[in-house]
Amino acid sequence: LDRYPLADDLGRRFGLPVKLDHHPRALLVGDRWFGAGRGVKQFAVVYTGEVLGGAFYFDGHLYRGTAGAGGELGHTFVQLDGELCRCGRRGCWDTIATLSWLRREAAAAGLPEPALIDSGRLADMAARQVAGAEKLLDRYACNVAVGIANLQQTVAPNIFILHGDVVLGGARLLDAIARHVRAMVPPRPGSTIEFIAGDAGDGAALLGAAGLVISELLQLPI
């Protein structure tokens, strides 16, 4: 489907307006209209799960970048000569902050049923003091924090709404991510960093997808 005009094709077939966009951008629009991003001038969305992605909202506008390429956060570099990524390059953030990394490390740590591990299960194991769980949870939090710290240093959105797997980890994981980010980012006047747990599922993305269509029909800025 590379370069195939899918949205136009579906629109013709169904006789309805169709918008095609990046999943994290749909999350952001959902947050912007219906969630924690309402009334906020700038924030960033970070999604983790099987893949990692993100989106930015700056000065009242969804940032898309040249040719809509903005927000490919999973393929920003965090480790020179790091692990081989699915994109064919090494050291992408995606290689250390997604479920594939977490499950592989859970197996190496001898945790039960590593193939089923997610942040929620790991946080529960850590709370029950299962050997190795707390250490792995903190490593995962640090890996997620590395990319967020780079974003804060580069564009300083100051508000990060997290979606996907990390939300399942609850306050235990969110607090650990926040702690690591604040340790990595030098404090500056007026630069308080806020972390908000968004949607672990697809609710915000579905609302945002509808919002993309509505905004075009009503000519509303996103």
N, C-alpha and C. Protein backbone atom coordinates (compact mmCIF):
# COMPACT_ATOMS: atom_id res chain seq x y z
N LEU A 1 0.81 -1.21 0.00
CA LEU A 1 0.00 0.00 0.00
C LEU A 1 0.85 1.27 0.00
N ASP A 2 2.15 1.15 -0.20
CA ASP A 2 3.02 2.31 -0.20
C ASP A 2 2.58 3.30 -1.27
N ARG A 3 2.28 4.53 -0.82
CA ARG A 3 1.86 5.64 -1.69
C ARG A 3 0.48 5.41 -2.34
N TYR A 4 -0.22 4.38 -1.92
CA TYR A 4 -1.56 4.16 -2.48
C TYR A 4 -2.54 5.14 -1.83
N PRO A 5 -3.39 5.82 -2.61
CA PRO A 5 -4.32 6.81 -2.06
C PRO A 5 -5.51 6.13 -1.37
N LEU A 6 -5.25 5.49 -0.25
CA LEU A 6 -6.27 4.68 0.42
C LEU A 6 -7.47 5.50 0.86
N ALA A 7 -7.22 6.68 1.45
CA ALA A 7 -8.33 7.50 1.93
C ALA A 7 -9.25 7.90 0.79
N ASP A 8 -8.68 8.31 -0.34
CA ASP A 8 -9.50 8.69 -1.49
C ASP A 8 -10.31 7.51 -2.01
N ASP A 9 -9.68 6.34 -2.04
CA ASP A 9 -10.36 5.14 -2.53
C ASP A 9 -11.54 4.79 -1.62
N LEU A 10 -11.31 4.79 -0.31
CA LEU A 10 -12.39 4.47 0.62
C LEU A 10 -13.50 5.50 0.56
N GLY A 11 -13.12 6.77 0.41
CA GLY A 11 -14.13 7.82 0.30
C GLY A 11 -15.03 7.62 -0.90
N ARG A 12 -14.45 7.22 -2.02
CA ARG A 12 -15.26 6.96 -3.23
C ARG A 12 -16.16 5.75 -3.03
N ARG A 13 -15.61 4.71 -2.41
CA ARG A 13 -16.38 3.47 -2.24
C ARG A 13 -17.59 3.66 -1.32
N PHE A 14 -17.40 4.44 -0.25
CA PHE A 14 -18.46 4.57 0.75
C PHE A 14 -19.24 5.87 0.63
N GLY A 15 -18.77 6.78 -0.21
CA GLY A 15 -19.47 8.04 -0.36
C GLY A 15 -19.44 8.89 0.89
N LEU A 16 -18.36 8.77 1.66
CA LEU A 16 -18.21 9.48 2.92
C LEU A 16 -16.82 10.11 2.99
N PRO A 17 -16.69 11.19 3.78
CA PRO A 17 -15.35 11.76 3.95
C PRO A 17 -14.46 10.81 4.75
N VAL A 18 -13.26 10.56 4.28
CA VAL A 18 -12.32 9.65 4.94
C VAL A 18 -11.01 10.38 5.18
N LYS A 19 -10.52 10.30 6.41
CA LYS A 19 -9.21 10.86 6.76
C LYS A 19 -8.29 9.72 7.17
N LEU A 20 -7.08 9.76 6.67
CA LEU A 20 -6.08 8.75 7.02
C LEU A 20 -4.93 9.45 7.71
N ASP A 21 -4.59 8.99 8.92
CA ASP A 21 -3.52 9.67 9.65
C ASP A 21 -2.80 8.70 10.57
N HIS A 22 -1.73 9.16 11.13
CA HIS A 22 -0.88 8.42 12.05
C HIS A 22 -1.63 8.15 13.35
N HIS A 23 -1.54 6.93 13.88
CA HIS A 23 -2.26 6.57 15.11
C HIS A 23 -1.98 7.53 16.27
N PRO A 24 -0.72 7.88 16.58
CA PRO A 24 -0.49 8.81 17.69
C PRO A 24 -1.12 10.19 17.46
N ARG A 25 -1.24 10.61 16.20
CA ARG A 25 -1.90 11.89 15.94
C ARG A 25 -3.39 11.81 16.27
N ALA A 26 -3.99 10.67 15.98
CA ALA A 26 -5.40 10.48 16.36
C ALA A 26 -5.54 10.52 17.88
N LEU A 27 -4.59 9.92 18.59
CA LEU A 27 -4.59 10.00 20.05
C LEU A 27 -4.52 11.45 20.50
N LEU A 28 -3.63 12.21 19.87
CA LEU A 28 -3.46 13.61 20.26
C LEU A 28 -4.74 14.40 20.03
N VAL A 29 -5.39 14.19 18.89
CA VAL A 29 -6.63 14.91 18.61
C VAL A 29 -7.71 14.53 19.62
N GLY A 30 -7.75 13.24 19.99
CA GLY A 30 -8.68 12.82 21.02
C GLY A 30 -8.42 13.52 22.34
N ASP A 31 -7.15 13.65 22.70
CA ASP A 31 -6.78 14.36 23.93
C ASP A 31 -7.08 15.85 23.81
N ARG A 32 -6.82 16.39 22.63
CA ARG A 32 -7.01 17.84 22.41
C ARG A 32 -8.48 18.23 22.55
N TRP A 33 -9.37 17.41 22.04
CA TRP A 33 -10.79 17.76 22.06
C TRP A 33 -11.54 17.21 23.27
N PHE A 34 -11.15 16.04 23.73
CA PHE A 34 -11.97 15.36 24.73
C PHE A 34 -11.22 14.97 26.00
N GLY A 35 -9.89 15.13 26.03
CA GLY A 35 -9.12 14.62 27.16
C GLY A 35 -8.28 15.67 27.85
N ALA A 36 -7.11 15.23 28.32
CA ALA A 36 -6.25 16.08 29.14
C ALA A 36 -5.64 17.24 28.37
N GLY A 37 -5.73 17.23 27.03
CA GLY A 37 -5.17 18.31 26.24
C GLY A 37 -6.12 19.47 25.99
N ARG A 38 -7.33 19.40 26.50
CA ARG A 38 -8.31 20.48 26.28
C ARG A 38 -7.81 21.76 26.93
N GLY A 39 -7.77 22.82 26.13
CA GLY A 39 -7.36 24.11 26.66
C GLY A 39 -5.87 24.29 26.85
N VAL A 40 -5.08 23.30 26.45
CA VAL A 40 -3.62 23.36 26.61
C VAL A 40 -3.01 23.82 25.29
N LYS A 41 -2.05 24.75 25.35
CA LYS A 41 -1.47 25.30 24.13
C LYS A 41 -0.40 24.40 23.52
N GLN A 42 0.29 23.64 24.35
CA GLN A 42 1.28 22.73 23.79
C GLN A 42 1.45 21.51 24.69
N PHE A 43 1.57 20.36 24.05
CA PHE A 43 1.81 19.11 24.76
C PHE A 43 2.28 18.07 23.76
N ALA A 44 2.77 16.97 24.28
CA ALA A 44 3.21 15.86 23.44
C ALA A 44 2.50 14.60 23.88
N VAL A 45 2.23 13.73 22.92
CA VAL A 45 1.67 12.41 23.18
C VAL A 45 2.74 11.38 22.89
N VAL A 46 2.91 10.42 23.80
CA VAL A 46 3.83 9.31 23.57
C VAL A 46 3.05 8.02 23.76
N TYR A 47 3.10 7.15 22.75
CA TYR A 47 2.41 5.86 22.79
C TYR A 47 3.43 4.74 22.82
N THR A 48 3.25 3.79 23.73
CA THR A 48 4.10 2.60 23.75
C THR A 48 3.24 1.35 23.69
N GLY A 49 3.79 0.32 23.11
CA GLY A 49 3.10 -0.96 22.99
C GLY A 49 3.97 -1.88 22.15
N GLU A 50 3.39 -2.48 21.14
CA GLU A 50 4.19 -3.27 20.20
C GLU A 50 5.13 -2.37 19.40
N VAL A 51 4.72 -1.12 19.23
CA VAL A 51 5.56 -0.10 18.59
C VAL A 51 5.55 1.14 19.47
N LEU A 52 6.35 2.12 19.10
CA LEU A 52 6.41 3.36 19.86
C LEU A 52 6.24 4.53 18.89
N GLY A 53 5.40 5.48 19.27
CA GLY A 53 5.18 6.63 18.41
C GLY A 53 4.77 7.84 19.23
N GLY A 54 4.59 8.96 18.56
CA GLY A 54 4.21 10.16 19.27
C GLY A 54 3.68 11.23 18.35
N ALA A 55 3.23 12.31 18.96
CA ALA A 55 2.70 13.45 18.21
C ALA A 55 2.87 14.70 19.06
N PHE A 56 2.86 15.86 18.39
CA PHE A 56 3.10 17.14 19.07
C PHE A 56 1.98 18.13 18.78
N TYR A 57 1.66 18.90 19.79
CA TYR A 57 0.69 19.99 19.66
C TYR A 57 1.39 21.26 20.11
N PHE A 58 1.65 22.17 19.18
CA PHE A 58 2.40 23.39 19.48
C PHE A 58 1.58 24.63 19.13
N ASP A 59 1.46 25.52 20.10
CA ASP A 59 0.80 26.82 19.87
C ASP A 59 -0.56 26.67 19.19
N GLY A 60 -1.31 25.68 19.65
CA GLY A 60 -2.67 25.51 19.15
C GLY A 60 -2.80 24.76 17.85
N HIS A 61 -1.73 24.07 17.42
CA HIS A 61 -1.79 23.35 16.15
C HIS A 61 -1.11 21.98 16.26
N LEU A 62 -1.71 20.99 15.64
CA LEU A 62 -1.10 19.67 15.50
C LEU A 62 0.08 19.78 14.55
N TYR A 63 1.25 19.37 15.01
CA TYR A 63 2.44 19.47 14.17
C TYR A 63 2.60 18.19 13.37
N ARG A 64 2.68 18.34 12.04
CA ARG A 64 2.80 17.18 11.16
C ARG A 64 4.19 17.04 10.55
N GLY A 65 4.92 18.11 10.45
CA GLY A 65 6.23 18.05 9.83
C GLY A 65 6.15 18.02 8.31
N THR A 66 7.29 18.04 7.66
CA THR A 66 7.34 18.00 6.20
C THR A 66 6.76 16.69 5.68
N ALA A 67 5.82 16.80 4.76
CA ALA A 67 5.17 15.64 4.14
C ALA A 67 4.52 14.72 5.18
N GLY A 68 4.14 15.30 6.33
CA GLY A 68 3.48 14.51 7.36
C GLY A 68 4.37 13.54 8.08
N ALA A 69 5.69 13.76 8.02
CA ALA A 69 6.64 12.79 8.58
C ALA A 69 6.97 13.04 10.04
N GLY A 70 6.43 14.08 10.64
CA GLY A 70 6.74 14.37 12.04
C GLY A 70 6.12 13.36 12.99
N GLY A 71 6.81 13.09 14.09
CA GLY A 71 6.28 12.21 15.11
C GLY A 71 6.76 10.78 15.07
N GLU A 72 7.73 10.47 14.21
CA GLU A 72 8.27 9.10 14.17
C GLU A 72 9.27 8.92 15.31
N LEU A 73 8.76 9.04 16.52
CA LEU A 73 9.63 9.04 17.69
C LEU A 73 10.32 7.70 17.91
N GLY A 74 9.65 6.63 17.54
CA GLY A 74 10.24 5.31 17.76
C GLY A 74 11.55 5.12 17.04
N HIS A 75 11.79 5.93 16.01
CA HIS A 75 13.01 5.77 15.22
C HIS A 75 13.97 6.94 15.40
N THR A 76 13.84 7.63 16.53
CA THR A 76 14.89 8.54 16.96
C THR A 76 15.97 7.70 17.62
N PHE A 77 17.22 8.15 17.54
CA PHE A 77 18.34 7.36 18.04
C PHE A 77 18.59 7.62 19.53
N VAL A 78 18.70 6.55 20.29
CA VAL A 78 19.03 6.67 21.71
C VAL A 78 20.28 5.88 22.07
N GLN A 79 20.73 4.99 21.16
CA GLN A 79 21.93 4.19 21.41
C GLN A 79 22.72 4.04 20.11
N LEU A 80 23.87 4.69 20.02
CA LEU A 80 24.72 4.48 18.85
C LEU A 80 25.18 3.03 18.84
N ASP A 81 25.08 2.39 17.68
CA ASP A 81 25.45 0.97 17.54
C ASP A 81 24.63 0.08 18.47
N GLY A 82 23.38 0.48 18.74
CA GLY A 82 22.51 -0.32 19.59
C GLY A 82 21.90 -1.49 18.85
N GLU A 83 20.84 -2.02 19.43
CA GLU A 83 20.17 -3.19 18.85
C GLU A 83 19.58 -2.88 17.48
N LEU A 84 19.56 -3.88 16.61
CA LEU A 84 18.98 -3.72 15.28
C LEU A 84 17.47 -3.52 15.39
N CYS A 85 16.99 -2.47 14.76
CA CYS A 85 15.56 -2.16 14.78
C CYS A 85 14.86 -2.78 13.58
N ARG A 86 13.56 -2.89 13.66
CA ARG A 86 12.77 -3.44 12.54
C ARG A 86 12.88 -2.56 11.29
N CYS A 87 13.31 -1.29 11.47
CA CYS A 87 13.47 -0.39 10.33
C CYS A 87 14.78 -0.63 9.59
N GLY A 88 15.65 -1.48 10.15
CA GLY A 88 16.93 -1.78 9.52
C GLY A 88 18.08 -0.98 10.06
N ARG A 89 17.80 -0.02 10.97
CA ARG A 89 18.85 0.77 11.58
C ARG A 89 19.07 0.32 13.02
N ARG A 90 20.12 0.80 13.62
CA ARG A 90 20.44 0.40 14.99
C ARG A 90 20.23 1.55 15.98
N GLY A 91 19.84 1.17 17.18
CA GLY A 91 19.78 2.14 18.26
C GLY A 91 18.53 2.97 18.35
N CYS A 92 17.46 2.59 17.66
CA CYS A 92 16.21 3.36 17.73
C CYS A 92 15.57 3.22 19.11
N TRP A 93 14.85 4.24 19.51
CA TRP A 93 14.13 4.22 20.79
C TRP A 93 13.17 3.03 20.84
N ASP A 94 12.61 2.67 19.71
CA ASP A 94 11.69 1.53 19.60
C ASP A 94 12.31 0.23 20.11
N THR A 95 13.63 0.09 20.00
CA THR A 95 14.29 -1.17 20.37
C THR A 95 14.40 -1.37 21.88
N ILE A 96 14.22 -0.30 22.67
CA ILE A 96 14.41 -0.44 24.12
C ILE A 96 13.18 -0.04 24.94
N ALA A 97 12.11 0.39 24.28
CA ALA A 97 10.97 0.90 25.04
C ALA A 97 9.64 0.38 24.52
N THR A 98 9.64 -0.84 23.98
CA THR A 98 8.41 -1.46 23.51
C THR A 98 8.23 -2.82 24.18
N LEU A 99 7.10 -3.45 23.92
CA LEU A 99 6.81 -4.73 24.56
C LEU A 99 7.78 -5.83 24.16
N SER A 100 8.30 -5.78 22.95
CA SER A 100 9.25 -6.83 22.54
C SER A 100 10.49 -6.80 23.42
N TRP A 101 11.00 -5.62 23.72
CA TRP A 101 12.15 -5.50 24.64
C TRP A 101 11.76 -6.00 26.03
N LEU A 102 10.62 -5.54 26.51
CA LEU A 102 10.19 -5.88 27.86
C LEU A 102 10.04 -7.39 28.04
N ARG A 103 9.45 -8.05 27.06
CA ARG A 103 9.22 -9.49 27.16
C ARG A 103 10.51 -10.29 27.03
N ARG A 104 11.40 -9.81 26.20
CA ARG A 104 12.69 -10.47 26.07
C ARG A 104 13.48 -10.37 27.38
N GLU A 105 13.46 -9.20 27.99
CA GLU A 105 14.19 -9.01 29.24
C GLU A 105 13.50 -9.74 30.40
N ALA A 106 12.18 -9.85 30.33
CA ALA A 106 11.46 -10.61 31.36
C ALA A 106 11.86 -12.08 31.31
N ALA A 107 12.03 -12.60 30.10
CA ALA A 107 12.48 -13.99 29.95
C ALA A 107 13.89 -14.15 30.49
N ALA A 108 14.76 -13.19 30.20
CA ALA A 108 16.14 -13.26 30.68
C ALA A 108 16.21 -13.17 32.20
N ALA A 109 15.25 -12.46 32.80
CA ALA A 109 15.22 -12.31 34.25
C ALA A 109 14.54 -13.48 34.94
N GLY A 110 13.99 -14.41 34.16
CA GLY A 110 13.33 -15.58 34.74
C GLY A 110 11.96 -15.30 35.31
N LEU A 111 11.30 -14.24 34.85
CA LEU A 111 9.96 -13.93 35.34
C LEU A 111 8.94 -14.89 34.72
N PRO A 112 7.87 -15.20 35.42
CA PRO A 112 6.89 -16.17 34.91
C PRO A 112 6.14 -15.63 33.69
N GLU A 113 5.87 -16.53 32.74
CA GLU A 113 5.11 -16.23 31.53
C GLU A 113 5.57 -14.94 30.84
N PRO A 114 6.84 -14.87 30.47
CA PRO A 114 7.36 -13.63 29.89
C PRO A 114 6.68 -13.21 28.60
N ALA A 115 6.17 -14.16 27.83
CA ALA A 115 5.52 -13.81 26.57
C ALA A 115 4.22 -13.04 26.78
N LEU A 116 3.68 -13.09 28.01
CA LEU A 116 2.43 -12.40 28.32
C LEU A 116 2.66 -11.12 29.11
N ILE A 117 3.91 -10.80 29.37
CA ILE A 117 4.23 -9.64 30.20
C ILE A 117 3.80 -8.35 29.52
N ASP A 118 3.19 -7.48 30.30
CA ASP A 118 3.01 -6.08 29.90
C ASP A 118 3.28 -5.24 31.15
N SER A 119 3.14 -3.95 31.05
CA SER A 119 3.47 -3.09 32.18
C SER A 119 2.57 -3.36 33.39
N GLY A 120 1.31 -3.68 33.13
CA GLY A 120 0.40 -3.96 34.23
C GLY A 120 0.81 -5.20 35.01
N ARG A 121 1.12 -6.28 34.29
CA ARG A 121 1.55 -7.51 34.95
C ARG A 121 2.87 -7.30 35.69
N LEU A 122 3.78 -6.56 35.06
CA LEU A 122 5.08 -6.34 35.68
C LEU A 122 4.95 -5.50 36.94
N ALA A 123 4.13 -4.46 36.90
CA ALA A 123 3.92 -3.64 38.09
C ALA A 123 3.29 -4.45 39.22
N ASP A 124 2.38 -5.35 38.85
CA ASP A 124 1.77 -6.22 39.86
C ASP A 124 2.81 -7.15 40.48
N MET A 125 3.69 -7.70 39.64
CA MET A 125 4.77 -8.55 40.17
C MET A 125 5.69 -7.76 41.08
N ALA A 126 5.99 -6.53 40.69
CA ALA A 126 6.85 -5.69 41.52
C ALA A 126 6.20 -5.42 42.87
N ALA A 127 4.89 -5.17 42.86
CA ALA A 127 4.17 -4.92 44.11
C ALA A 127 4.17 -6.15 45.01
N ARG A 128 4.19 -7.34 44.39
CA ARG A 128 4.23 -8.59 45.16
C ARG A 128 5.66 -9.05 45.44
N GLN A 129 6.61 -8.21 45.08
CA GLN A 129 8.03 -8.46 45.34
C GLN A 129 8.54 -9.74 44.68
N VAL A 130 8.05 -10.00 43.47
CA VAL A 130 8.59 -11.11 42.68
C VAL A 130 10.02 -10.77 42.30
N ALA A 131 10.93 -11.69 42.50
CA ALA A 131 12.35 -11.43 42.27
C ALA A 131 12.60 -10.94 40.84
N GLY A 132 13.27 -9.82 40.73
CA GLY A 132 13.65 -9.27 39.43
C GLY A 132 12.64 -8.32 38.82
N ALA A 133 11.40 -8.30 39.33
CA ALA A 133 10.35 -7.50 38.71
C ALA A 133 10.57 -6.00 38.91
N GLU A 134 10.89 -5.60 40.12
CA GLU A 134 11.09 -4.17 40.39
C GLU A 134 12.27 -3.61 39.60
N LYS A 135 13.34 -4.38 39.51
CA LYS A 135 14.52 -3.93 38.75
C LYS A 135 14.18 -3.77 37.27
N LEU A 136 13.43 -4.71 36.71
CA LEU A 136 13.07 -4.62 35.30
C LEU A 136 12.11 -3.46 35.06
N LEU A 137 11.18 -3.26 35.97
CA LEU A 137 10.24 -2.14 35.83
C LEU A 137 10.99 -0.81 35.80
N ASP A 138 11.99 -0.69 36.65
CA ASP A 138 12.77 0.55 36.70
C ASP A 138 13.60 0.73 35.43
N ARG A 139 14.15 -0.36 34.90
CA ARG A 139 14.90 -0.28 33.64
C ARG A 139 14.00 0.16 32.49
N TYR A 140 12.81 -0.41 32.46
CA TYR A 140 11.84 -0.05 31.41
C TYR A 140 11.46 1.42 31.53
N ALA A 141 11.22 1.86 32.77
CA ALA A 141 10.89 3.27 33.00
C ALA A 141 12.02 4.17 32.52
N CYS A 142 13.25 3.78 32.78
CA CYS A 142 14.41 4.55 32.35
C CYS A 142 14.50 4.61 30.82
N ASN A 143 14.23 3.49 30.17
CA ASN A 143 14.27 3.45 28.71
C ASN A 143 13.22 4.35 28.08
N VAL A 144 12.03 4.35 28.66
CA VAL A 144 10.98 5.25 28.17
C VAL A 144 11.38 6.70 28.44
N ALA A 145 11.97 6.93 29.60
CA ALA A 145 12.35 8.29 30.00
C ALA A 145 13.43 8.89 29.12
N VAL A 146 14.34 8.07 28.61
CA VAL A 146 15.43 8.58 27.77
C VAL A 146 14.89 9.35 26.58
N GLY A 147 13.93 8.76 25.88
CA GLY A 147 13.36 9.43 24.72
C GLY A 147 12.57 10.66 25.09
N ILE A 148 11.82 10.58 26.19
CA ILE A 148 11.03 11.73 26.63
C ILE A 148 11.95 12.88 27.03
N ALA A 149 13.05 12.56 27.70
CA ALA A 149 14.01 13.60 28.09
C ALA A 149 14.59 14.29 26.86
N ASN A 150 14.88 13.53 25.82
CA ASN A 150 15.38 14.13 24.59
C ASN A 150 14.35 15.07 23.97
N LEU A 151 13.09 14.66 24.00
CA LEU A 151 12.02 15.52 23.47
C LEU A 151 11.91 16.81 24.28
N GLN A 152 11.98 16.68 25.59
CA GLN A 152 11.88 17.86 26.44
C GLN A 152 13.05 18.81 26.20
N GLN A 153 14.23 18.26 26.05
CA GLN A 153 15.41 19.09 25.80
C GLN A 153 15.34 19.77 24.43
N THR A 154 14.68 19.11 23.47
CA THR A 154 14.65 19.64 22.10
C THR A 154 13.53 20.65 21.88
N VAL A 155 12.32 20.31 22.29
CA VAL A 155 11.17 21.17 21.98
C VAL A 155 10.38 21.61 23.20
N ALA A 156 10.70 21.09 24.39
CA ALA A 156 10.12 21.53 25.66
C ALA A 156 8.60 21.66 25.65
N PRO A 157 7.88 20.56 25.37
CA PRO A 157 6.42 20.65 25.46
C PRO A 157 5.93 20.76 26.90
N ASN A 158 6.73 20.28 27.85
CA ASN A 158 6.46 20.35 29.29
C ASN A 158 5.31 19.46 29.77
N ILE A 159 4.36 19.15 28.91
CA ILE A 159 3.27 18.24 29.26
C ILE A 159 3.34 17.03 28.34
N PHE A 160 3.40 15.85 28.95
CA PHE A 160 3.45 14.60 28.19
C PHE A 160 2.24 13.75 28.59
N ILE A 161 1.42 13.42 27.61
CA ILE A 161 0.29 12.52 27.85
C ILE A 161 0.70 11.15 27.33
N LEU A 162 0.76 10.19 28.22
CA LEU A 162 1.24 8.85 27.87
C LEU A 162 0.06 7.93 27.58
N HIS A 163 0.20 7.13 26.53
CA HIS A 163 -0.85 6.20 26.12
C HIS A 163 -0.25 4.81 25.92
N GLY A 164 -1.14 3.83 25.87
CA GLY A 164 -0.71 2.47 25.55
C GLY A 164 -0.24 1.69 26.76
N ASP A 165 0.76 0.85 26.53
CA ASP A 165 1.19 -0.10 27.54
C ASP A 165 1.62 0.54 28.85
N VAL A 166 2.35 1.65 28.79
CA VAL A 166 2.86 2.23 30.04
C VAL A 166 1.74 2.63 30.99
N VAL A 167 0.57 2.94 30.45
CA VAL A 167 -0.55 3.33 31.31
C VAL A 167 -0.98 2.16 32.20
N LEU A 168 -0.82 0.93 31.68
CA LEU A 168 -1.19 -0.25 32.46
C LEU A 168 -0.33 -0.39 33.71
N GLY A 169 0.85 0.20 33.70
CA GLY A 169 1.75 0.12 34.85
C GLY A 169 1.32 0.99 36.02
N GLY A 170 0.31 1.83 35.81
CA GLY A 170 -0.23 2.64 36.88
C GLY A 170 0.76 3.66 37.43
N ALA A 171 0.46 4.13 38.63
CA ALA A 171 1.28 5.17 39.25
C ALA A 171 2.70 4.70 39.50
N ARG A 172 2.87 3.42 39.75
CA ARG A 172 4.21 2.89 40.03
C ARG A 172 5.15 3.15 38.85
N LEU A 173 4.70 2.85 37.64
CA LEU A 173 5.53 3.06 36.46
C LEU A 173 5.59 4.53 36.06
N LEU A 174 4.46 5.21 36.11
CA LEU A 174 4.43 6.62 35.72
C LEU A 174 5.35 7.45 36.62
N ASP A 175 5.33 7.17 37.91
CA ASP A 175 6.20 7.90 38.84
C ASP A 175 7.67 7.62 38.55
N ALA A 176 7.98 6.37 38.19
CA ALA A 176 9.37 6.02 37.88
C ALA A 176 9.83 6.72 36.61
N ILE A 177 8.97 6.78 35.59
CA ILE A 177 9.32 7.50 34.36
C ILE A 177 9.57 8.97 34.67
N ALA A 178 8.68 9.57 35.44
CA ALA A 178 8.83 10.99 35.79
C ALA A 178 10.12 11.23 36.56
N ARG A 179 10.44 10.35 37.47
CA ARG A 179 11.67 10.50 38.26
C ARG A 179 12.91 10.46 37.37
N HIS A 180 12.93 9.52 36.44
CA HIS A 180 14.09 9.41 35.54
C HIS A 180 14.19 10.62 34.61
N VAL A 181 13.07 11.07 34.07
CA VAL A 181 13.11 12.23 33.17
C VAL A 181 13.64 13.44 33.91
N ARG A 182 13.15 13.67 35.11
CA ARG A 182 13.58 14.85 35.87
C ARG A 182 15.05 14.78 36.26
N ALA A 183 15.56 13.56 36.40
CA ALA A 183 16.99 13.41 36.67
C ALA A 183 17.83 13.68 35.43
N MET A 184 17.26 13.47 34.25
CA MET A 184 17.99 13.64 32.99
C MET A 184 17.92 15.06 32.44
N VAL A 185 16.88 15.80 32.81
CA VAL A 185 16.67 17.14 32.24
C VAL A 185 17.06 18.19 33.27
N PRO A 186 18.01 19.07 32.96
CA PRO A 186 18.40 20.12 33.91
C PRO A 186 17.21 21.02 34.23
N PRO A 187 17.03 21.37 35.50
CA PRO A 187 15.91 22.25 35.86
C PRO A 187 16.11 23.65 35.30
N ARG A 188 15.03 24.23 34.81
CA ARG A 188 15.06 25.60 34.29
C ARG A 188 13.84 26.35 34.83
N PRO A 189 13.93 27.66 34.96
CA PRO A 189 12.77 28.43 35.42
C PRO A 189 11.57 28.22 34.49
N GLY A 190 10.43 27.97 35.10
CA GLY A 190 9.21 27.81 34.32
C GLY A 190 9.15 26.55 33.49
N SER A 191 9.96 25.54 33.84
CA SER A 191 10.00 24.34 33.01
C SER A 191 9.53 23.10 33.76
N THR A 192 8.50 23.26 34.58
CA THR A 192 7.93 22.12 35.28
C THR A 192 7.38 21.11 34.26
N ILE A 193 7.78 19.85 34.42
CA ILE A 193 7.36 18.81 33.48
C ILE A 193 6.22 18.02 34.10
N GLU A 194 5.14 17.88 33.36
CA GLU A 194 3.95 17.17 33.86
C GLU A 194 3.71 15.91 33.04
N PHE A 195 3.39 14.84 33.73
CA PHE A 195 3.09 13.56 33.07
C PHE A 195 1.66 13.17 33.39
N ILE A 196 0.91 12.83 32.35
CA ILE A 196 -0.50 12.49 32.51
C ILE A 196 -0.75 11.12 31.89
N ALA A 197 -1.42 10.26 32.64
CA ALA A 197 -1.80 8.95 32.10
C ALA A 197 -3.01 9.11 31.21
N GLY A 198 -2.86 8.73 29.95
CA GLY A 198 -3.97 8.80 29.01
C GLY A 198 -4.71 7.49 28.95
N ASP A 199 -4.99 7.03 27.76
CA ASP A 199 -5.81 5.85 27.52
C ASP A 199 -4.93 4.65 27.22
N ALA A 200 -5.18 3.54 27.92
CA ALA A 200 -4.42 2.32 27.64
C ALA A 200 -4.94 1.62 26.39
N GLY A 201 -6.18 1.89 26.03
CA GLY A 201 -6.78 1.25 24.86
C GLY A 201 -6.87 2.19 23.68
N ASP A 202 -7.93 2.03 22.88
CA ASP A 202 -8.07 2.80 21.65
C ASP A 202 -9.15 3.88 21.73
N GLY A 203 -9.67 4.12 22.93
CA GLY A 203 -10.75 5.09 23.07
C GLY A 203 -10.39 6.47 22.56
N ALA A 204 -9.25 6.99 23.02
CA ALA A 204 -8.84 8.34 22.61
C ALA A 204 -8.56 8.39 21.11
N ALA A 205 -7.97 7.33 20.57
CA ALA A 205 -7.68 7.30 19.13
C ALA A 205 -8.96 7.31 18.30
N LEU A 206 -9.98 6.58 18.75
CA LEU A 206 -11.25 6.56 18.03
C LEU A 206 -11.93 7.92 18.07
N LEU A 207 -11.90 8.56 19.24
CA LEU A 207 -12.45 9.91 19.33
C LEU A 207 -11.67 10.88 18.45
N GLY A 208 -10.34 10.71 18.47
CA GLY A 208 -9.51 11.58 17.66
C GLY A 208 -9.73 11.38 16.17
N ALA A 209 -9.93 10.13 15.77
CA ALA A 209 -10.19 9.85 14.36
C ALA A 209 -11.47 10.55 13.90
N ALA A 210 -12.49 10.49 14.75
CA ALA A 210 -13.72 11.22 14.44
C ALA A 210 -13.46 12.72 14.41
N GLY A 211 -12.61 13.18 15.34
CA GLY A 211 -12.29 14.60 15.39
C GLY A 211 -11.58 15.09 14.15
N LEU A 212 -10.76 14.25 13.54
CA LEU A 212 -10.07 14.64 12.31
C LEU A 212 -11.06 14.94 11.19
N VAL A 213 -12.10 14.10 11.09
CA VAL A 213 -13.12 14.30 10.06
C VAL A 213 -13.97 15.52 10.39
N ILE A 214 -14.40 15.62 11.65
CA ILE A 214 -15.26 16.74 12.05
C ILE A 214 -14.55 18.07 11.85
N SER A 215 -13.27 18.11 12.20
CA SER A 215 -12.53 19.36 12.08
C SER A 215 -12.44 19.82 10.63
N GLU A 216 -12.34 18.87 9.71
CA GLU A 216 -12.28 19.24 8.29
C GLU A 216 -13.65 19.69 7.80
N LEU A 217 -14.70 18.98 8.19
CA LEU A 217 -16.04 19.35 7.75
C LEU A 217 -16.45 20.72 8.26
N LEU A 218 -16.10 21.01 9.53
CA LEU A 218 -16.50 22.28 10.15
C LEU A 218 -15.41 23.34 10.04
N GLN A 219 -14.30 22.97 9.39
CA GLN A 219 -13.16 23.88 9.22
C GLN A 219 -12.67 24.42 10.56
N LEU A 220 -12.53 23.51 11.51
CA LEU A 220 -12.03 23.87 12.84
C LEU A 220 -10.54 23.56 12.91
N PRO A 221 -9.76 24.45 13.48
CA PRO A 221 -8.33 24.16 13.63
C PRO A 221 -8.11 23.10 14.69
N ILE A 222 -7.12 22.25 14.48
CA ILE A 222 -6.77 21.25 15.48
C ILE A 222 -5.51 21.73 16.20
